[in-house]
Amino acid sequence: MTELEAVNTMLISIGEQPVDGLGLEGIPEVNIAKEILKQTSRQVQSPGFTFNTEENYPLQLDVDGFIHLPPNTVKVTSLEDASIIRRGNRLYDKRKHTYVFDKPITVDLVLALEFDELPQTARDYITVRAARIFQARVLGSEALHQFTAKDEYDAYMLLYREEIDQQDLNMFRNNSSVIQMLRR
């Protein structure tokens, strides 16, 4: 599914005709749909999934000692010091009260990926969720909302299942109780 297909799905959900391109400035519904799709994509990606999380990511200093984050950063967690946080597009040391660092920092990053970089299950879920929000804002129909709430749940479950598969979880490796029993 492309971004155009997602916007067309949203338009069809309110009874509008699909469009041939996203650069149509004269159709307000297209602009609203694009914005809702973008917001929904960012919200869905914010908690972090295997497909948009970079673990042990080294961030380098610039010439002034600042550490800038990639522009699509949604969440950052310092692996070295909990007092290192995000402020704007840079890291900040709350303990030392400064943006200036003397060495690179390793972090876990959650990135907001472009729509076409997402796995299909994520694109499907984001599209269905965005269509439900779009319907609620444009039409406000409770009947349509009920119908797509189930579609949204089904799409989320497929995304969740794929996420579990990607994590390669193992009851014997990832469960402290089982590990303790096996050590006996």
C-alpha atoms as a PDB file:
ATOM      1  CA  MET A   1       0.000   0.000   0.000  1.00  0.00           C
ATOM      2  CA  THR A   2       1.318   3.405  -0.960  1.00  0.00           C
ATOM      3  CA  GLU A   3       0.571   6.721   0.722  1.00  0.00           C
ATOM      4  CA  LEU A   4      -1.734   7.573  -2.198  1.00  0.00           C
ATOM      5  CA  GLU A   5      -3.630   4.310  -1.711  1.00  0.00           C
ATOM      6  CA  ALA A   6      -3.933   5.043   2.011  1.00  0.00           C
ATOM      7  CA  VAL A   7      -5.342   8.537   1.357  1.00  0.00           C
ATOM      8  CA  ASN A   8      -7.755   7.085  -1.203  1.00  0.00           C
ATOM      9  CA  THR A   9      -8.910   4.503   1.346  1.00  0.00           C
ATOM     10  CA  MET A  10      -9.585   7.354   3.750  1.00  0.00           C
ATOM     11  CA  LEU A  11     -11.499   9.331   1.104  1.00  0.00           C
ATOM     12  CA  ILE A  12     -13.593   6.298   0.149  1.00  0.00           C
ATOM     13  CA  SER A  13     -14.428   5.761   3.846  1.00  0.00           C
ATOM     14  CA  ILE A  14     -16.393   9.041   3.800  1.00  0.00           C
ATOM     15  CA  GLY A  15     -17.917   8.471   0.380  1.00  0.00           C
ATOM     16  CA  GLU A  16     -15.525  10.682  -1.611  1.00  0.00           C
ATOM     17  CA  GLN A  17     -13.976   9.759  -4.942  1.00  0.00           C
ATOM     18  CA  PRO A  18     -10.338   8.598  -4.973  1.00  0.00           C
ATOM     19  CA  VAL A  19      -7.715  10.938  -6.429  1.00  0.00           C
ATOM     20  CA  ASP A  20      -4.864  10.359  -8.885  1.00  0.00           C
ATOM     21  CA  GLY A  21      -2.202  12.200  -6.896  1.00  0.00           C
ATOM     22  CA  LEU A  22      -1.430  13.739  -3.522  1.00  0.00           C
ATOM     23  CA  GLY A  23      -0.411  17.159  -4.843  1.00  0.00           C
ATOM     24  CA  LEU A  24      -4.011  18.295  -5.288  1.00  0.00           C
ATOM     25  CA  GLU A  25      -4.201  21.481  -3.257  1.00  0.00           C
ATOM     26  CA  GLY A  26      -7.748  22.368  -4.310  1.00  0.00           C
ATOM     27  CA  ILE A  27      -9.413  19.444  -2.533  1.00  0.00           C
ATOM     28  CA  PRO A  28      -9.574  20.120   1.218  1.00  0.00           C
ATOM     29  CA  GLU A  29     -10.418  16.498   2.091  1.00  0.00           C
ATOM     30  CA  VAL A  30      -7.166  15.314   0.495  1.00  0.00           C
ATOM     31  CA  ASN A  31      -5.119  17.735   2.591  1.00  0.00           C
ATOM     32  CA  ILE A  32      -6.987  16.764   5.757  1.00  0.00           C
ATOM     33  CA  ALA A  33      -6.521  13.069   4.975  1.00  0.00           C
ATOM     34  CA  LYS A  34      -2.771  13.514   4.345  1.00  0.00           C
ATOM     35  CA  GLU A  35      -2.319  15.355   7.639  1.00  0.00           C
ATOM     36  CA  ILE A  36      -4.322  12.806   9.637  1.00  0.00           C
ATOM     37  CA  LEU A  37      -2.351   9.966   8.009  1.00  0.00           C
ATOM     38  CA  LYS A  38       0.924  11.669   8.955  1.00  0.00           C
ATOM     39  CA  GLN A  39      -0.187  12.292  12.564  1.00  0.00           C
ATOM     40  CA  THR A  40      -1.526   8.771  12.955  1.00  0.00           C
ATOM     41  CA  SER A  41       1.655   7.258  11.572  1.00  0.00           C
ATOM     42  CA  ARG A  42       3.751   9.192  14.077  1.00  0.00           C
ATOM     43  CA  GLN A  43       1.450   8.228  16.980  1.00  0.00           C
ATOM     44  CA  VAL A  44       1.461   4.553  16.063  1.00  0.00           C
ATOM     45  CA  GLN A  45       5.250   4.458  15.672  1.00  0.00           C
ATOM     46  CA  SER A  46       5.967   6.391  18.901  1.00  0.00           C
ATOM     47  CA  PRO A  47       6.103   3.462  21.340  1.00  0.00           C
ATOM     48  CA  GLY A  48       8.679   1.741  19.147  1.00  0.00           C
ATOM     49  CA  PHE A  49       8.589  -1.499  17.202  1.00  0.00           C
ATOM     50  CA  THR A  50      11.366  -3.735  15.969  1.00  0.00           C
ATOM     51  CA  PHE A  51      11.121  -2.080  12.543  1.00  0.00           C
ATOM     52  CA  ASN A  52      11.682   1.490  13.799  1.00  0.00           C
ATOM     53  CA  THR A  53      13.945   1.035  16.811  1.00  0.00           C
ATOM     54  CA  GLU A  54      17.715   1.383  16.603  1.00  0.00           C
ATOM     55  CA  GLU A  55      19.418  -0.202  19.596  1.00  0.00           C
ATOM     56  CA  ASN A  56      22.912   0.728  20.797  1.00  0.00           C
ATOM     57  CA  TYR A  57      23.033   3.612  18.340  1.00  0.00           C
ATOM     58  CA  PRO A  58      26.159   5.772  18.733  1.00  0.00           C
ATOM     59  CA  LEU A  59      25.574   9.518  18.493  1.00  0.00           C
ATOM     60  CA  GLN A  60      28.599  11.660  17.700  1.00  0.00           C
ATOM     61  CA  LEU A  61      29.519  15.144  18.903  1.00  0.00           C
ATOM     62  CA  ASP A  62      29.555  18.078  16.531  1.00  0.00           C
ATOM     63  CA  VAL A  63      32.410  20.623  16.590  1.00  0.00           C
ATOM     64  CA  ASP A  64      30.744  22.522  19.480  1.00  0.00           C
ATOM     65  CA  GLY A  65      30.226  19.397  21.622  1.00  0.00           C
ATOM     66  CA  PHE A  66      26.495  19.165  20.921  1.00  0.00           C
ATOM     67  CA  ILE A  67      24.842  15.859  20.103  1.00  0.00           C
ATOM     68  CA  HIS A  68      22.104  16.317  17.516  1.00  0.00           C
ATOM     69  CA  LEU A  69      19.393  13.719  17.006  1.00  0.00           C
ATOM     70  CA  PRO A  70      18.186  12.533  13.616  1.00  0.00           C
ATOM     71  CA  PRO A  71      15.232  14.735  12.547  1.00  0.00           C
ATOM     72  CA  ASN A  72      12.789  11.809  12.585  1.00  0.00           C
ATOM     73  CA  THR A  73      13.574  10.839  16.203  1.00  0.00           C
ATOM     74  CA  VAL A  74      10.441  10.107  18.225  1.00  0.00           C
ATOM     75  CA  LYS A  75      12.017   8.784  21.407  1.00  0.00           C
ATOM     76  CA  VAL A  76      15.558   8.485  22.744  1.00  0.00           C
ATOM     77  CA  THR A  77      16.849   6.571  25.756  1.00  0.00           C
ATOM     78  CA  SER A  78      20.431   6.963  26.911  1.00  0.00           C
ATOM     79  CA  LEU A  79      22.061   3.658  27.747  1.00  0.00           C
ATOM     80  CA  GLU A  80      24.825   5.341  29.716  1.00  0.00           C
ATOM     81  CA  ASP A  81      23.099   7.839  32.008  1.00  0.00           C
ATOM     82  CA  ALA A  82      19.413   8.386  32.833  1.00  0.00           C
ATOM     83  CA  SER A  83      20.067  12.118  33.325  1.00  0.00           C
ATOM     84  CA  ILE A  84      20.737  12.483  29.587  1.00  0.00           C
ATOM     85  CA  ILE A  85      17.477  13.456  27.918  1.00  0.00           C
ATOM     86  CA  ARG A  86      16.127  14.928  24.722  1.00  0.00           C
ATOM     87  CA  ARG A  87      15.456  18.637  24.457  1.00  0.00           C
ATOM     88  CA  GLY A  88      14.428  19.775  21.017  1.00  0.00           C
ATOM     89  CA  ASN A  89      16.676  18.042  18.503  1.00  0.00           C
ATOM     90  CA  ARG A  90      19.656  17.690  20.856  1.00  0.00           C
ATOM     91  CA  LEU A  91      20.659  15.720  23.913  1.00  0.00           C
ATOM     92  CA  TYR A  92      20.827  17.517  27.267  1.00  0.00           C
ATOM     93  CA  ASP A  93      22.571  16.467  30.486  1.00  0.00           C
ATOM     94  CA  LYS A  94      20.231  17.309  33.382  1.00  0.00           C
ATOM     95  CA  ARG A  95      22.858  16.563  36.023  1.00  0.00           C
ATOM     96  CA  LYS A  96      25.477  18.901  34.507  1.00  0.00           C
ATOM     97  CA  HIS A  97      22.862  21.363  33.156  1.00  0.00           C
ATOM     98  CA  THR A  98      24.384  21.504  29.693  1.00  0.00           C
ATOM     99  CA  TYR A  99      23.960  20.565  26.061  1.00  0.00           C
ATOM    100  CA  VAL A 100      27.732  20.151  25.710  1.00  0.00           C
ATOM    101  CA  PHE A 101      29.226  16.669  25.927  1.00  0.00           C
ATOM    102  CA  ASP A 102      32.834  15.496  25.967  1.00  0.00           C
ATOM    103  CA  LYS A 103      32.292  12.077  24.381  1.00  0.00           C
ATOM    104  CA  PRO A 104      29.829  10.311  22.065  1.00  0.00           C
ATOM    105  CA  ILE A 105      26.735   8.794  23.681  1.00  0.00           C
ATOM    106  CA  THR A 106      25.121   5.443  22.929  1.00  0.00           C
ATOM    107  CA  VAL A 107      21.318   5.440  22.889  1.00  0.00           C
ATOM    108  CA  ASP A 108      18.272   3.486  21.854  1.00  0.00           C
ATOM    109  CA  LEU A 109      16.346   5.477  19.230  1.00  0.00           C
ATOM    110  CA  VAL A 110      12.775   5.175  18.055  1.00  0.00           C
ATOM    111  CA  LEU A 111      12.441   6.725  14.609  1.00  0.00           C
ATOM    112  CA  ALA A 112       9.316   7.833  12.748  1.00  0.00           C
ATOM    113  CA  LEU A 113       9.764   6.167   9.371  1.00  0.00           C
ATOM    114  CA  GLU A 114       8.235   7.358   6.121  1.00  0.00           C
ATOM    115  CA  PHE A 115       5.011   5.566   5.191  1.00  0.00           C
ATOM    116  CA  ASP A 116       6.613   3.605   2.340  1.00  0.00           C
ATOM    117  CA  GLU A 117       9.408   2.364   4.646  1.00  0.00           C
ATOM    118  CA  LEU A 118       6.967   0.669   7.025  1.00  0.00           C
ATOM    119  CA  PRO A 119       6.083  -3.017   6.902  1.00  0.00           C
ATOM    120  CA  GLN A 120       2.749  -3.787   5.259  1.00  0.00           C
ATOM    121  CA  THR A 121       1.010  -4.651   8.538  1.00  0.00           C
ATOM    122  CA  ALA A 122       1.969  -1.259   9.982  1.00  0.00           C
ATOM    123  CA  ARG A 123       0.764   0.571   6.861  1.00  0.00           C
ATOM    124  CA  ASP A 124      -2.532  -1.324   6.990  1.00  0.00           C
ATOM    125  CA  TYR A 125      -3.086  -0.541  10.675  1.00  0.00           C
ATOM    126  CA  ILE A 126      -2.145   3.125  10.274  1.00  0.00           C
ATOM    127  CA  THR A 127      -4.470   3.459   7.269  1.00  0.00           C
ATOM    128  CA  VAL A 128      -7.464   1.902   9.041  1.00  0.00           C
ATOM    129  CA  ARG A 129      -6.859   3.939  12.190  1.00  0.00           C
ATOM    130  CA  ALA A 130      -6.394   7.150  10.176  1.00  0.00           C
ATOM    131  CA  ALA A 131      -9.592   6.394   8.211  1.00  0.00           C
ATOM    132  CA  ARG A 132     -11.543   6.019  11.462  1.00  0.00           C
ATOM    133  CA  ILE A 133     -10.171   9.330  12.779  1.00  0.00           C
ATOM    134  CA  PHE A 134     -10.841  10.981   9.406  1.00  0.00           C
ATOM    135  CA  GLN A 135     -14.453   9.745   9.434  1.00  0.00           C
ATOM    136  CA  ALA A 136     -14.977  10.990  12.973  1.00  0.00           C
ATOM    137  CA  ARG A 137     -13.601  14.456  12.183  1.00  0.00           C
ATOM    138  CA  VAL A 138     -15.249  14.943   8.799  1.00  0.00           C
ATOM    139  CA  LEU A 139     -18.552  13.092   9.156  1.00  0.00           C
ATOM    140  CA  GLY A 140     -18.907  12.317  12.849  1.00  0.00           C
ATOM    141  CA  SER A 141     -20.891   9.151  12.054  1.00  0.00           C
ATOM    142  CA  GLU A 142     -21.179   6.788  15.023  1.00  0.00           C
ATOM    143  CA  ALA A 143     -22.343   3.933  12.755  1.00  0.00           C
ATOM    144  CA  LEU A 144     -19.229   4.180  10.586  1.00  0.00           C
ATOM    145  CA  HIS A 145     -17.068   4.497  13.695  1.00  0.00           C
ATOM    146  CA  GLN A 146     -18.362   1.194  15.073  1.00  0.00           C
ATOM    147  CA  PHE A 147     -17.717  -0.581  11.795  1.00  0.00           C
ATOM    148  CA  THR A 148     -14.122   0.562  11.455  1.00  0.00           C
ATOM    149  CA  ALA A 149     -13.277   0.089  15.150  1.00  0.00           C
ATOM    150  CA  LYS A 150     -13.353  -3.678  14.539  1.00  0.00           C
ATOM    151  CA  ASP A 151     -11.295  -3.266  11.361  1.00  0.00           C
ATOM    152  CA  GLU A 152      -8.782  -1.236  13.361  1.00  0.00           C
ATOM    153  CA  TYR A 153      -8.588  -3.915  16.058  1.00  0.00           C
ATOM    154  CA  ASP A 154      -8.073  -6.666  13.475  1.00  0.00           C
ATOM    155  CA  ALA A 155      -5.317  -4.685  11.733  1.00  0.00           C
ATOM    156  CA  TYR A 156      -3.615  -3.992  15.074  1.00  0.00           C
ATOM    157  CA  MET A 157      -3.667  -7.689  15.961  1.00  0.00           C
ATOM    158  CA  LEU A 158      -1.892  -8.518  12.677  1.00  0.00           C
ATOM    159  CA  LEU A 159       0.725  -5.848  13.405  1.00  0.00           C
ATOM    160  CA  TYR A 160       1.115  -7.138  16.968  1.00  0.00           C
ATOM    161  CA  ARG A 161       1.517 -10.723  15.751  1.00  0.00           C
ATOM    162  CA  GLU A 162       4.211  -9.653  13.291  1.00  0.00           C
ATOM    163  CA  GLU A 163       5.978  -7.722  16.053  1.00  0.00           C
ATOM    164  CA  ILE A 164       5.998 -10.782  18.300  1.00  0.00           C
ATOM    165  CA  ASP A 165       7.381 -12.899  15.442  1.00  0.00           C
ATOM    166  CA  GLN A 166      10.136 -10.340  14.748  1.00  0.00           C
ATOM    167  CA  GLN A 167      11.210 -10.248  18.396  1.00  0.00           C
ATOM    168  CA  ASP A 168      12.121 -13.936  18.288  1.00  0.00           C
ATOM    169  CA  LEU A 169      10.872 -14.457  21.824  1.00  0.00           C
ATOM    170  CA  ASN A 170      11.648 -17.755  23.468  1.00  0.00           C
ATOM    171  CA  MET A 171      10.137 -18.931  26.742  1.00  0.00           C
ATOM    172  CA  PHE A 172      13.406 -20.571  27.748  1.00  0.00           C
ATOM    173  CA  ARG A 173      15.664 -17.602  26.887  1.00  0.00           C
ATOM    174  CA  ASN A 174      13.453 -14.647  27.842  1.00  0.00           C
ATOM    175  CA  ASN A 175      11.758 -15.797  31.034  1.00  0.00           C
ATOM    176  CA  SER A 176      13.699 -15.422  34.294  1.00  0.00           C
ATOM    177  CA  SER A 177      11.495 -17.957  36.134  1.00  0.00           C
ATOM    178  CA  VAL A 178      12.102 -20.648  33.523  1.00  0.00           C
ATOM    179  CA  ILE A 179      15.833 -19.877  33.437  1.00  0.00           C
ATOM    180  CA  GLN A 180      16.041 -20.273  37.228  1.00  0.00           C
ATOM    181  CA  MET A 181      14.201 -23.612  37.092  1.00  0.00           C
ATOM    182  CA  LEU A 182      16.501 -24.898  34.339  1.00  0.00           C
ATOM    183  CA  ARG A 183      19.586 -23.971  36.366  1.00  0.00           C
ATOM    184  CA  ARG A 184      18.530 -26.226  39.261  1.00  0.00           C
END
